[in-house]
Amino acid sequence: MSSFSSPGAGGGFLDGTFGESPASQQRMKKEKKSTAVVPITVAGILNAKYQSDVDAFVLNEASMHQVTFIGMVLSVTENRTHLSFEIGDLTGGIVSVKRWLDQDENAEEYERARFREDTYVRVLGNIKRLDDDKKHVVAFAMRHVTDFNEITFHMYDVIHAALSMQKRVHEEAVTPDTTTNFGNNNSFSAQRNQFGPQIGNMSQAQKRVYEMVNQAKSQEGIYVDDLVKRLNMPEQSVRYVPCILL
């Protein structure tokens, strides 16, 4: 996770745009959005809707220009110029991923041999539309997942990103901007109650895990081993909480 930035990380409301024209601010915001990498699940990708006004896919009113997710390779189709994958992560559905091959012959052979069926991979790329409005991901980076803790860690990363958005909306709501107009600052308002029903069905122990993850201050979040030690809970119980939320 540390190799990818989280949405909403860094910078305040002014962050170099104060005094700029609204059009310039909008352009700078769009450029800034395009560099944000959103941790997501396959279900999130499939549920995202394209909005032409922001030229991006949107989930819970949050636009996504670049995404990262982890899943198992279910099938591979080899072509002369690219590889096509079907990838799932048990959150619901399967997403198609296209990976263009390097022009170098040795690089092509290397790419073809790396990612086979029944292996876990992390994908970094853009969500694209097909002619029939189906979605697929064009990957510009893929790598093997060799440590299965990364899968659980990614689930917490998805939760942490959503909670960060939630917190940002709350702070903007209680501290209105009176200096200038920065457009719609409530872009993540639909995330506010995203986990409400699931949290209500949790046991007290599961709520303790959720609250500790929510309180994590660093971009890296908190490790499963730390949660096990600090909460004196079985590792399996700790790992079950993100499955409930996702």
Foldseek 3Di string as FASTA:
>chain_A
DVVAAFPPPDDDPPRPCPPPDLVVLVVVVLVVQLRHEHEDFPVQLQPWDADPVSRATDDLLRGHFKYKYKFFFAAWDDDPFWIWTWTHHPPDHIAIEIEGFDPDPVRNVVVVPFHHGGFMKMFMFGWDADPVRGIHTYGPDMDGDPDCLVNLLSLLLNVQSLLSLLVQLVVCVVPPDPPDDSDDSCSNVSSNCLQVVLLVPDDPLLVVLVVQQSPADDSSGDGLVVCCVVSVDDSVSSSCSSVSSD
